PDB file of N, CA and C in Angstrom:
ATOM      1  N   UNK A   1    -166.662  39.859  17.594  1.00  0.00           N
ATOM      2  CA  UNK A   1    -168.024  40.037  17.076  1.00  0.00           C
ATOM      3  C   UNK A   1    -169.015  39.197  18.415  1.00  0.00           C
ATOM      4  N   UNK A   2    -168.145  38.005  18.371  1.00  0.00           N
ATOM      5  CA  UNK A   2    -168.646  37.021  19.384  1.00  0.00           C
ATOM      6  C   UNK A   2    -169.204  37.094  20.683  1.00  0.00           C
ATOM      7  N   UNK A   3    -168.124  37.950  21.076  1.00  0.00           N
ATOM      8  CA  UNK A   3    -168.564  38.554  22.257  1.00  0.00           C
ATOM      9  C   UNK A   3    -169.626  39.679  22.429  1.00  0.00           C
ATOM     10  N   UNK A   4    -169.691  40.483  21.184  1.00  0.00           N
ATOM     11  CA  UNK A   4    -170.917  41.396  21.962  1.00  0.00           C
ATOM     12  C   UNK A   4    -171.892  41.052  21.404  1.00  0.00           C
ATOM     13  N   UNK A   5    -172.169  39.776  20.549  1.00  0.00           N
ATOM     14  CA  UNK A   5    -173.407  38.870  20.519  1.00  0.00           C
ATOM     15  C   UNK A   5    -173.506  38.240  21.862  1.00  0.00           C
ATOM     16  N   UNK A   6    -172.447  37.878  21.882  1.00  0.00           N
ATOM     17  CA  UNK A   6    -173.118  36.746  23.451  1.00  0.00           C
ATOM     18  C   UNK A   6    -173.593  37.795  24.683  1.00  0.00           C
ATOM     19  N   UNK A   7    -173.641  39.236  24.285  1.00  0.00           N
ATOM     20  CA  UNK A   7    -173.502  40.087  25.393  1.00  0.00           C
ATOM     21  C   UNK A   7    -175.302  40.089  25.011  1.00  0.00           C
ATOM     22  N   UNK A   8    -175.873  40.311  24.086  1.00  0.00           N
ATOM     23  CA  UNK A   8    -176.831  40.838  23.667  1.00  0.00           C
ATOM     24  C   UNK A   8    -177.572  40.655  22.966  1.00  0.00           C
ATOM     25  N   UNK A   9    -176.787  39.757  21.681  1.00  0.00           N
ATOM     26  CA  UNK A   9    -177.780  39.783  20.396  1.00  0.00           C
ATOM     27  C   UNK A   9    -177.099  40.499  19.360  1.00  0.00           C
ATOM     28  N   UNK A  10    -177.415  40.284  18.156  1.00  0.00           N
ATOM     29  CA  UNK A  10    -177.510  40.609  17.297  1.00  0.00           C
ATOM     30  C   UNK A  10    -177.813  42.193  16.970  1.00  0.00           C
ATOM     31  N   UNK A  11    -178.572  42.378  17.721  1.00  0.00           N
ATOM     32  CA  UNK A  11    -179.472  44.053  17.504  1.00  0.00           C
ATOM     33  C   UNK A  11    -178.705  44.812  18.180  1.00  0.00           C
ATOM     34  N   UNK A  12    -177.677  44.338  19.311  1.00  0.00           N
ATOM     35  CA  UNK A  12    -176.674  45.547  20.123  1.00  0.00           C
ATOM     36  C   UNK A  12    -175.384  45.557  20.094  1.00  0.00           C
ATOM     37  N   UNK A  13    -175.647  45.038  18.955  1.00  0.00           N
ATOM     38  CA  UNK A  13    -173.870  44.755  18.074  1.00  0.00           C
ATOM     39  C   UNK A  13    -173.408  46.593  17.545  1.00  0.00           C
ATOM     40  N   UNK A  14    -172.148  46.611  16.875  1.00  0.00           N
ATOM     41  CA  UNK A  14    -172.143  48.144  16.800  1.00  0.00           C
ATOM     42  C   UNK A  14    -172.640  48.119  15.339  1.00  0.00           C
ATOM     43  N   UNK A  15    -173.282  46.749  14.784  1.00  0.00           N
ATOM     44  CA  UNK A  15    -173.530  47.175  13.145  1.00  0.00           C
ATOM     45  C   UNK A  15    -173.196  47.896  12.506  1.00  0.00           C
ATOM     46  N   UNK A  16    -173.655  48.530  11.928  1.00  0.00           N
ATOM     47  CA  UNK A  16    -173.388  49.697  10.392  1.00  0.00           C
ATOM     48  C   UNK A  16    -173.117  50.749  10.660  1.00  0.00           C
ATOM     49  N   UNK A  17    -172.194  50.403  11.991  1.00  0.00           N
ATOM     50  CA  UNK A  17    -171.598  52.068  12.364  1.00  0.00           C
ATOM     51  C   UNK A  17    -170.100  51.716  12.398  1.00  0.00           C
ATOM     52  N   UNK A  18    -169.906  50.428  12.459  1.00  0.00           N
ATOM     53  CA  UNK A  18    -168.677  49.954  12.553  1.00  0.00           C
ATOM     54  C   UNK A  18    -167.374  50.672  11.191  1.00  0.00           C
ATOM     55  N   UNK A  19    -167.587  50.601   9.849  1.00  0.00           N
ATOM     56  CA  UNK A  19    -167.706  50.985   8.932  1.00  0.00           C
ATOM     57  C   UNK A  19    -167.239  52.893   9.130  1.00  0.00           C
ATOM     58  N   UNK A  20    -168.234  53.496   9.914  1.00  0.00           N
ATOM     59  CA  UNK A  20    -167.766  54.936  10.243  1.00  0.00           C
ATOM     60  C   UNK A  20    -166.806  54.870  11.054  1.00  0.00           C
ATOM     61  N   UNK A  21    -166.608  54.304  12.476  1.00  0.00           N
ATOM     62  CA  UNK A  21    -165.949  54.632  12.909  1.00  0.00           C
ATOM     63  C   UNK A  21    -164.375  54.301  12.358  1.00  0.00           C
ATOM     64  N   UNK A  22    -164.380  53.090  11.822  1.00  0.00           N
ATOM     65  CA  UNK A  22    -162.760  52.927  10.511  1.00  0.00           C
ATOM     66  C   UNK A  22    -162.735  54.354  10.210  1.00  0.00           C
ATOM     67  N   UNK A  23    -163.694  54.716   9.341  1.00  0.00           N
ATOM     68  CA  UNK A  23    -163.228  55.600   8.070  1.00  0.00           C
ATOM     69  C   UNK A  23    -162.870  57.163   8.719  1.00  0.00           C
ATOM     70  N   UNK A  24    -163.952  57.399  10.175  1.00  0.00           N
ATOM     71  CA  UNK A  24    -163.447  58.430  10.940  1.00  0.00           C
ATOM     72  C   UNK A  24    -162.042  58.382  11.144  1.00  0.00           C
ATOM     73  N   UNK A  25    -161.110  57.099  11.889  1.00  0.00           N
ATOM     74  CA  UNK A  25    -160.537  57.035  12.333  1.00  0.00           C
ATOM     75  C   UNK A  25    -159.062  56.740  11.161  1.00  0.00           C
ATOM     76  N   UNK A  26    -159.850  56.594  10.425  1.00  0.00           N
ATOM     77  CA  UNK A  26    -158.673  56.685   9.004  1.00  0.00           C
ATOM     78  C   UNK A  26    -158.535  57.759   8.142  1.00  0.00           C
ATOM     79  N   UNK A  27    -159.482  58.749   8.414  1.00  0.00           N
ATOM     80  CA  UNK A  27    -159.601  60.310   8.070  1.00  0.00           C
ATOM     81  C   UNK A  27    -158.273  60.544   8.996  1.00  0.00           C
ATOM     82  N   UNK A  28    -158.586  60.281  10.463  1.00  0.00           N
ATOM     83  CA  UNK A  28    -157.887  61.080  11.700  1.00  0.00           C
ATOM     84  C   UNK A  28    -156.260  60.835  11.079  1.00  0.00           C
ATOM     85  N   UNK A  29    -156.053  59.735  10.928  1.00  0.00           N
ATOM     86  CA  UNK A  29    -154.308  58.876  10.594  1.00  0.00           C
ATOM     87  C   UNK A  29    -154.065  60.158   9.130  1.00  0.00           C
ATOM     88  N   UNK A  30    -155.010  59.922   8.548  1.00  0.00           N
ATOM     89  CA  UNK A  30    -154.137  60.581   7.188  1.00  0.00           C
ATOM     90  C   UNK A  30    -154.617  61.908   6.787  1.00  0.00           C
ATOM     91  N   UNK A  31    -155.084  62.249   7.801  1.00  0.00           N
ATOM     92  CA  UNK A  31    -154.921  64.217   8.046  1.00  0.00           C
ATOM     93  C   UNK A  31    -154.175  64.217   9.012  1.00  0.00           C
ATOM     94  N   UNK A  32    -153.716  63.673   9.968  1.00  0.00           N
ATOM     95  CA  UNK A  32    -152.300  63.694  10.891  1.00  0.00           C
ATOM     96  C   UNK A  32    -153.807  64.958  12.005  1.00  0.00           C
ATOM     97  N   UNK A  33    -154.650  64.657  11.945  1.00  0.00           N
ATOM     98  CA  UNK A  33    -155.902  65.537  13.100  1.00  0.00           C
ATOM     99  C   UNK A  33    -155.845  64.989  14.178  1.00  0.00           C
ATOM    100  N   UNK A  34    -155.759  65.600  15.147  1.00  0.00           N
ATOM    101  CA  UNK A  34    -155.705  65.700  16.630  1.00  0.00           C
ATOM    102  C   UNK A  34    -157.273  65.699  16.755  1.00  0.00           C
ATOM    103  N   UNK A  35    -158.323  66.516  16.393  1.00  0.00           N
ATOM    104  CA  UNK A  35    -159.913  66.712  16.434  1.00  0.00           C
ATOM    105  C   UNK A  35    -160.513  65.567  15.760  1.00  0.00           C
ATOM    106  N   UNK A  36    -159.883  64.812  14.851  1.00  0.00           N
ATOM    107  CA  UNK A  36    -160.478  63.667  14.218  1.00  0.00           C
ATOM    108  C   UNK A  36    -160.456  62.620  15.134  1.00  0.00           C
ATOM    109  N   UNK A  37    -158.836  62.624  15.627  1.00  0.00           N
ATOM    110  CA  UNK A  37    -158.738  61.452  16.762  1.00  0.00           C
ATOM    111  C   UNK A  37    -159.265  61.074  17.431  1.00  0.00           C
ATOM    112  N   UNK A  38    -159.533  62.531  18.260  1.00  0.00           N
ATOM    113  CA  UNK A  38    -160.574  62.512  19.251  1.00  0.00           C
ATOM    114  C   UNK A  38    -161.899  62.377  18.862  1.00  0.00           C
ATOM    115  N   UNK A  39    -162.212  62.597  17.749  1.00  0.00           N
ATOM    116  CA  UNK A  39    -163.499  62.581  17.447  1.00  0.00           C
ATOM    117  C   UNK A  39    -164.181  60.879  17.321  1.00  0.00           C
ATOM    118  N   UNK A  40    -162.443  60.285  16.835  1.00  0.00           N
ATOM    119  CA  UNK A  40    -163.594  58.695  16.853  1.00  0.00           C
ATOM    120  C   UNK A  40    -163.228  58.024  18.073  1.00  0.00           C
ATOM    121  N   UNK A  41    -162.326  58.734  19.247  1.00  0.00           N
ATOM    122  CA  UNK A  41    -162.558  57.935  20.583  1.00  0.00           C
ATOM    123  C   UNK A  41    -163.382  58.072  21.291  1.00  0.00           C
ATOM    124  N   UNK A  42    -164.200  59.429  20.869  1.00  0.00           N
ATOM    125  CA  UNK A  42    -165.722  59.863  21.750  1.00  0.00           C
ATOM    126  C   UNK A  42    -166.531  58.903  20.822  1.00  0.00           C
ATOM    127  N   UNK A  43    -166.609  58.497  19.514  1.00  0.00           N
ATOM    128  CA  UNK A  43    -167.582  57.607  18.635  1.00  0.00           C
ATOM    129  C   UNK A  43    -167.683  56.373  19.241  1.00  0.00           C
ATOM    130  N   UNK A  44    -166.539  55.976  19.355  1.00  0.00           N
ATOM    131  CA  UNK A  44    -165.885  54.579  20.207  1.00  0.00           C
ATOM    132  C   UNK A  44    -166.513  54.505  20.929  1.00  0.00           C
ATOM    133  N   UNK A  45    -166.389  55.327  22.278  1.00  0.00           N
ATOM    134  CA  UNK A  45    -167.092  55.057  23.540  1.00  0.00           C
ATOM    135  C   UNK A  45    -168.596  55.294  23.264  1.00  0.00           C
ATOM    136  N   UNK A  46    -169.744  56.360  22.350  1.00  0.00           N
ATOM    137  CA  UNK A  46    -170.409  56.339  21.873  1.00  0.00           C
ATOM    138  C   UNK A  46    -170.822  54.583  21.811  1.00  0.00           C
ATOM    139  N   UNK A  47    -170.513  54.405  20.728  1.00  0.00           N
ATOM    140  CA  UNK A  47    -170.792  53.222  20.223  1.00  0.00           C
ATOM    141  C   UNK A  47    -171.439  52.313  21.559  1.00  0.00           C
ATOM    142  N   UNK A  48    -170.274  51.845  22.429  1.00  0.00           N
ATOM    143  CA  UNK A  48    -169.889  51.256  23.490  1.00  0.00           C
ATOM    144  C   UNK A  48    -171.558  51.703  24.655  1.00  0.00           C
ATOM    145  N   UNK A  49    -171.548  52.629  24.289  1.00  0.00           N
ATOM    146  CA  UNK A  49    -173.280  53.370  25.239  1.00  0.00           C
ATOM    147  C   UNK A  49    -174.261  52.241  24.570  1.00  0.00           C
ATOM    148  N   UNK A  50    -174.523  52.767  23.100  1.00  0.00           N
ATOM    149  CA  UNK A  50    -174.964  51.835  22.345  1.00  0.00           C
ATOM    150  C   UNK A  50    -174.793  50.769  22.653  1.00  0.00           C
ATOM    151  N   UNK A  51    -174.496  50.190  22.546  1.00  0.00           N
ATOM    152  CA  UNK A  51    -174.076  48.704  22.778  1.00  0.00           C
ATOM    153  C   UNK A  51    -174.501  47.739  23.470  1.00  0.00           C
ATOM    154  N   UNK A  52    -174.383  48.453  25.111  1.00  0.00           N
ATOM    155  CA  UNK A  52    -174.408  48.038  26.131  1.00  0.00           C
ATOM    156  C   UNK A  52    -176.061  48.710  26.602  1.00  0.00           C
ATOM    157  N   UNK A  53    -176.562  49.464  25.881  1.00  0.00           N
ATOM    158  CA  UNK A  53    -177.966  50.308  26.538  1.00  0.00           C
ATOM    159  C   UNK A  53    -179.412  48.867  26.882  1.00  0.00           C
ATOM    160  N   UNK A  54    -179.064  48.080  25.421  1.00  0.00           N
ATOM    161  CA  UNK A  54    -179.904  46.937  25.382  1.00  0.00           C
ATOM    162  C   UNK A  54    -180.084  45.843  26.589  1.00  0.00           C
ATOM    163  N   UNK A  55    -178.799  45.451  26.573  1.00  0.00           N
ATOM    164  CA  UNK A  55    -178.263  44.426  27.475  1.00  0.00           C
ATOM    165  C   UNK A  55    -178.217  45.012  29.570  1.00  0.00           C
ATOM    166  N   UNK A  56    -177.855  46.198  29.679  1.00  0.00           N
ATOM    167  CA  UNK A  56    -177.844  46.866  30.784  1.00  0.00           C
ATOM    168  C   UNK A  56    -179.182  47.486  31.370  1.00  0.00           C
ATOM    169  N   UNK A  57    -180.366  47.775  30.047  1.00  0.00           N
ATOM    170  CA  UNK A  57    -181.508  48.470  30.797  1.00  0.00           C
ATOM    171  C   UNK A  57    -182.088  48.187  31.939  1.00  0.00           C
ATOM    172  N   UNK A  58    -182.480  46.403  32.378  1.00  0.00           N
ATOM    173  CA  UNK A  58    -182.946  46.096  33.507  1.00  0.00           C
ATOM    174  C   UNK A  58    -182.065  46.980  34.668  1.00  0.00           C
ATOM    175  N   UNK A  59    -180.821  47.138  34.656  1.00  0.00           N
ATOM    176  CA  UNK A  59    -179.845  47.217  35.448  1.00  0.00           C
ATOM    177  C   UNK A  59    -179.434  48.863  35.776  1.00  0.00           C
ATOM    178  N   UNK A  60    -180.038  49.529  34.344  1.00  0.00           N
ATOM    179  CA  UNK A  60    -179.322  51.271  34.460  1.00  0.00           C
ATOM    180  C   UNK A  60    -180.752  51.580  34.478  1.00  0.00           C
ATOM    181  N   UNK A  61    -181.549  51.751  35.006  1.00  0.00           N
ATOM    182  CA  UNK A  61    -183.235  52.761  35.073  1.00  0.00           C
ATOM    183  C   UNK A  61    -183.386  53.532  33.649  1.00  0.00           C
ATOM    184  N   UNK A  62    -182.495  54.403  34.023  1.00  0.00           N
ATOM    185  CA  UNK A  62    -182.392  55.804  32.986  1.00  0.00           C
ATOM    186  C   UNK A  62    -181.869  55.618  31.463  1.00  0.00           C
ATOM    187  N   UNK A  63    -180.756  54.287  31.032  1.00  0.00           N
ATOM    188  CA  UNK A  63    -180.425  53.575  30.147  1.00  0.00           C
ATOM    189  C   UNK A  63    -179.376  54.219  30.233  1.00  0.00           C
ATOM    190  N   UNK A  64    -178.628  54.167  28.767  1.00  0.00           N
ATOM    191  CA  UNK A  64    -177.551  54.811  28.457  1.00  0.00           C
ATOM    192  C   UNK A  64    -178.014  55.683  26.997  1.00  0.00           C
ATOM    193  N   UNK A  65    -178.577  55.131  26.432  1.00  0.00           N
ATOM    194  CA  UNK A  65    -179.090  55.945  24.777  1.00  0.00           C
ATOM    195  C   UNK A  65    -178.662  57.570  25.246  1.00  0.00           C
ATOM    196  N   UNK A  66    -178.817  58.420  25.989  1.00  0.00           N
ATOM    197  CA  UNK A  66    -178.506  59.583  26.131  1.00  0.00           C
ATOM    198  C   UNK A  66    -177.314  59.696  25.935  1.00  0.00           C
ATOM    199  N   UNK A  67    -176.244  59.007  26.252  1.00  0.00           N
ATOM    200  CA  UNK A  67    -174.928  59.097  26.473  1.00  0.00           C
ATOM    201  C   UNK A  67    -174.530  58.617  24.907  1.00  0.00           C
ATOM    202  N   UNK A  68    -174.793  57.982  24.493  1.00  0.00           N
ATOM    203  CA  UNK A  68    -174.828  57.758  22.955  1.00  0.00           C
ATOM    204  C   UNK A  68    -175.511  59.159  21.989  1.00  0.00           C
ATOM    205  N   UNK A  69    -176.059  59.447  22.635  1.00  0.00           N
ATOM    206  CA  UNK A  69    -176.538  60.819  21.776  1.00  0.00           C
ATOM    207  C   UNK A  69    -175.872  62.296  22.020  1.00  0.00           C
ATOM    208  N   UNK A  70    -175.730  62.327  23.194  1.00  0.00           N
ATOM    209  CA  UNK A  70    -174.985  63.234  23.539  1.00  0.00           C
ATOM    210  C   UNK A  70    -173.392  63.237  23.398  1.00  0.00           C
ATOM    211  N   UNK A  71    -172.783  61.636  23.241  1.00  0.00           N
ATOM    212  CA  UNK A  71    -171.600  61.715  22.770  1.00  0.00           C
ATOM    213  C   UNK A  71    -171.454  62.519  21.222  1.00  0.00           C
ATOM    214  N   UNK A  72    -172.637  61.365  20.178  1.00  0.00           N
ATOM    215  CA  UNK A  72    -172.826  62.157  18.980  1.00  0.00           C
ATOM    216  C   UNK A  72    -172.749  63.202  18.484  1.00  0.00           C
ATOM    217  N   UNK A  73    -173.024  64.578  19.508  1.00  0.00           N
ATOM    218  CA  UNK A  73    -173.507  65.893  19.217  1.00  0.00           C
ATOM    219  C   UNK A  73    -172.018  66.227  19.528  1.00  0.00           C
ATOM    220  N   UNK A  74    -170.754  65.598  20.428  1.00  0.00           N
ATOM    221  CA  UNK A  74    -169.854  66.069  20.604  1.00  0.00           C
ATOM    222  C   UNK A  74    -169.004  65.451  19.199  1.00  0.00           C
ATOM    223  N   UNK A  75    -169.102  64.694  18.793  1.00  0.00           N
ATOM    224  CA  UNK A  75    -168.483  63.922  17.600  1.00  0.00           C
ATOM    225  C   UNK A  75    -168.502  65.344  16.434  1.00  0.00           C
ATOM    226  N   UNK A  76    -170.075  65.144  16.437  1.00  0.00           N
ATOM    227  CA  UNK A  76    -170.339  65.996  15.284  1.00  0.00           C
ATOM    228  C   UNK A  76    -169.948  67.620  15.197  1.00  0.00           C
ATOM    229  N   UNK A  77    -169.449  67.996  16.970  1.00  0.00           N
ATOM    230  CA  UNK A  77    -168.673  69.136  16.839  1.00  0.00           C
ATOM    231  C   UNK A  77    -167.764  69.205  16.656  1.00  0.00           C
ATOM    232  N   UNK A  78    -166.552  67.853  16.489  1.00  0.00           N
ATOM    233  CA  UNK A  78    -165.195  67.878  16.670  1.00  0.00           C
ATOM    234  C   UNK A  78    -165.162  68.026  15.256  1.00  0.00           C
ATOM    235  N   UNK A  79    -165.855  66.941  14.545  1.00  0.00           N
ATOM    236  CA  UNK A  79    -165.668  67.048  13.258  1.00  0.00           C
ATOM    237  C   UNK A  79    -165.845  68.721  12.274  1.00  0.00           C
ATOM    238  N   UNK A  80    -166.823  69.601  12.454  1.00  0.00           N
ATOM    239  CA  UNK A  80    -167.259  70.623  12.287  1.00  0.00           C
ATOM    240  C   UNK A  80    -166.003  71.354  12.086  1.00  0.00           C
ATOM    241  N   UNK A  81    -165.819  71.142  13.828  1.00  0.00           N
ATOM    242  CA  UNK A  81    -164.297  72.217  14.254  1.00  0.00           C
ATOM    243  C   UNK A  81    -163.028  72.006  12.969  1.00  0.00           C
ATOM    244  N   UNK A  82    -162.825  70.905  12.997  1.00  0.00           N
ATOM    245  CA  UNK A  82    -161.394  70.291  12.398  1.00  0.00           C
ATOM    246  C   UNK A  82    -161.631  70.878  10.630  1.00  0.00           C
ATOM    247  N   UNK A  83    -163.365  71.042  10.011  1.00  0.00           N
ATOM    248  CA  UNK A  83    -163.552  71.268   9.115  1.00  0.00           C
ATOM    249  C   UNK A  83    -163.140  72.734   9.141  1.00  0.00           C
ATOM    250  N   UNK A  84    -164.342  73.164   9.809  1.00  0.00           N
ATOM    251  CA  UNK A  84    -163.706  74.794  10.028  1.00  0.00           C
ATOM    252  C   UNK A  84    -162.112  75.085   9.990  1.00  0.00           C
ATOM    253  N   UNK A  85    -161.515  74.966  10.631  1.00  0.00           N
ATOM    254  CA  UNK A  85    -160.130  75.347  10.532  1.00  0.00           C
ATOM    255  C   UNK A  85    -159.241  74.906   9.051  1.00  0.00           C
ATOM    256  N   UNK A  86    -159.775  73.854   8.671  1.00  0.00           N
ATOM    257  CA  UNK A  86    -159.229  73.716   7.445  1.00  0.00           C
ATOM    258  C   UNK A  86    -159.162  74.127   6.054  1.00  0.00           C
ATOM    259  N   UNK A  87    -160.946  74.691   6.285  1.00  0.00           N
ATOM    260  CA  UNK A  87    -161.370  75.683   5.284  1.00  0.00           C
ATOM    261  C   UNK A  87    -160.626  77.582   5.539  1.00  0.00           C
ATOM    262  N   UNK A  88    -160.704  77.814   6.490  1.00  0.00           N
ATOM    263  CA  UNK A  88    -159.715  79.423   6.848  1.00  0.00           C
ATOM    264  C   UNK A  88    -158.955  79.418   6.075  1.00  0.00           C
TER     265      UNK A  88
END
């Protein structure tokens, strides 16, 4: 966490999303779900984009926030697909 704080301050850290990432990864392992493992990896990448958006905004004019939102949509799709497969 200290490295993230050094990068851009407390507002650019994983913040309240770390428990969500750990929970998603935990469900992926417990359920042995490839979709949820992939969702956890994609969510980790989206959190990385969110974390780097502020510190890099001066050098990346379009920012990285769009990637955060796009990848979160992919995470939601993967989780929904896994749930759909399980209830059928």
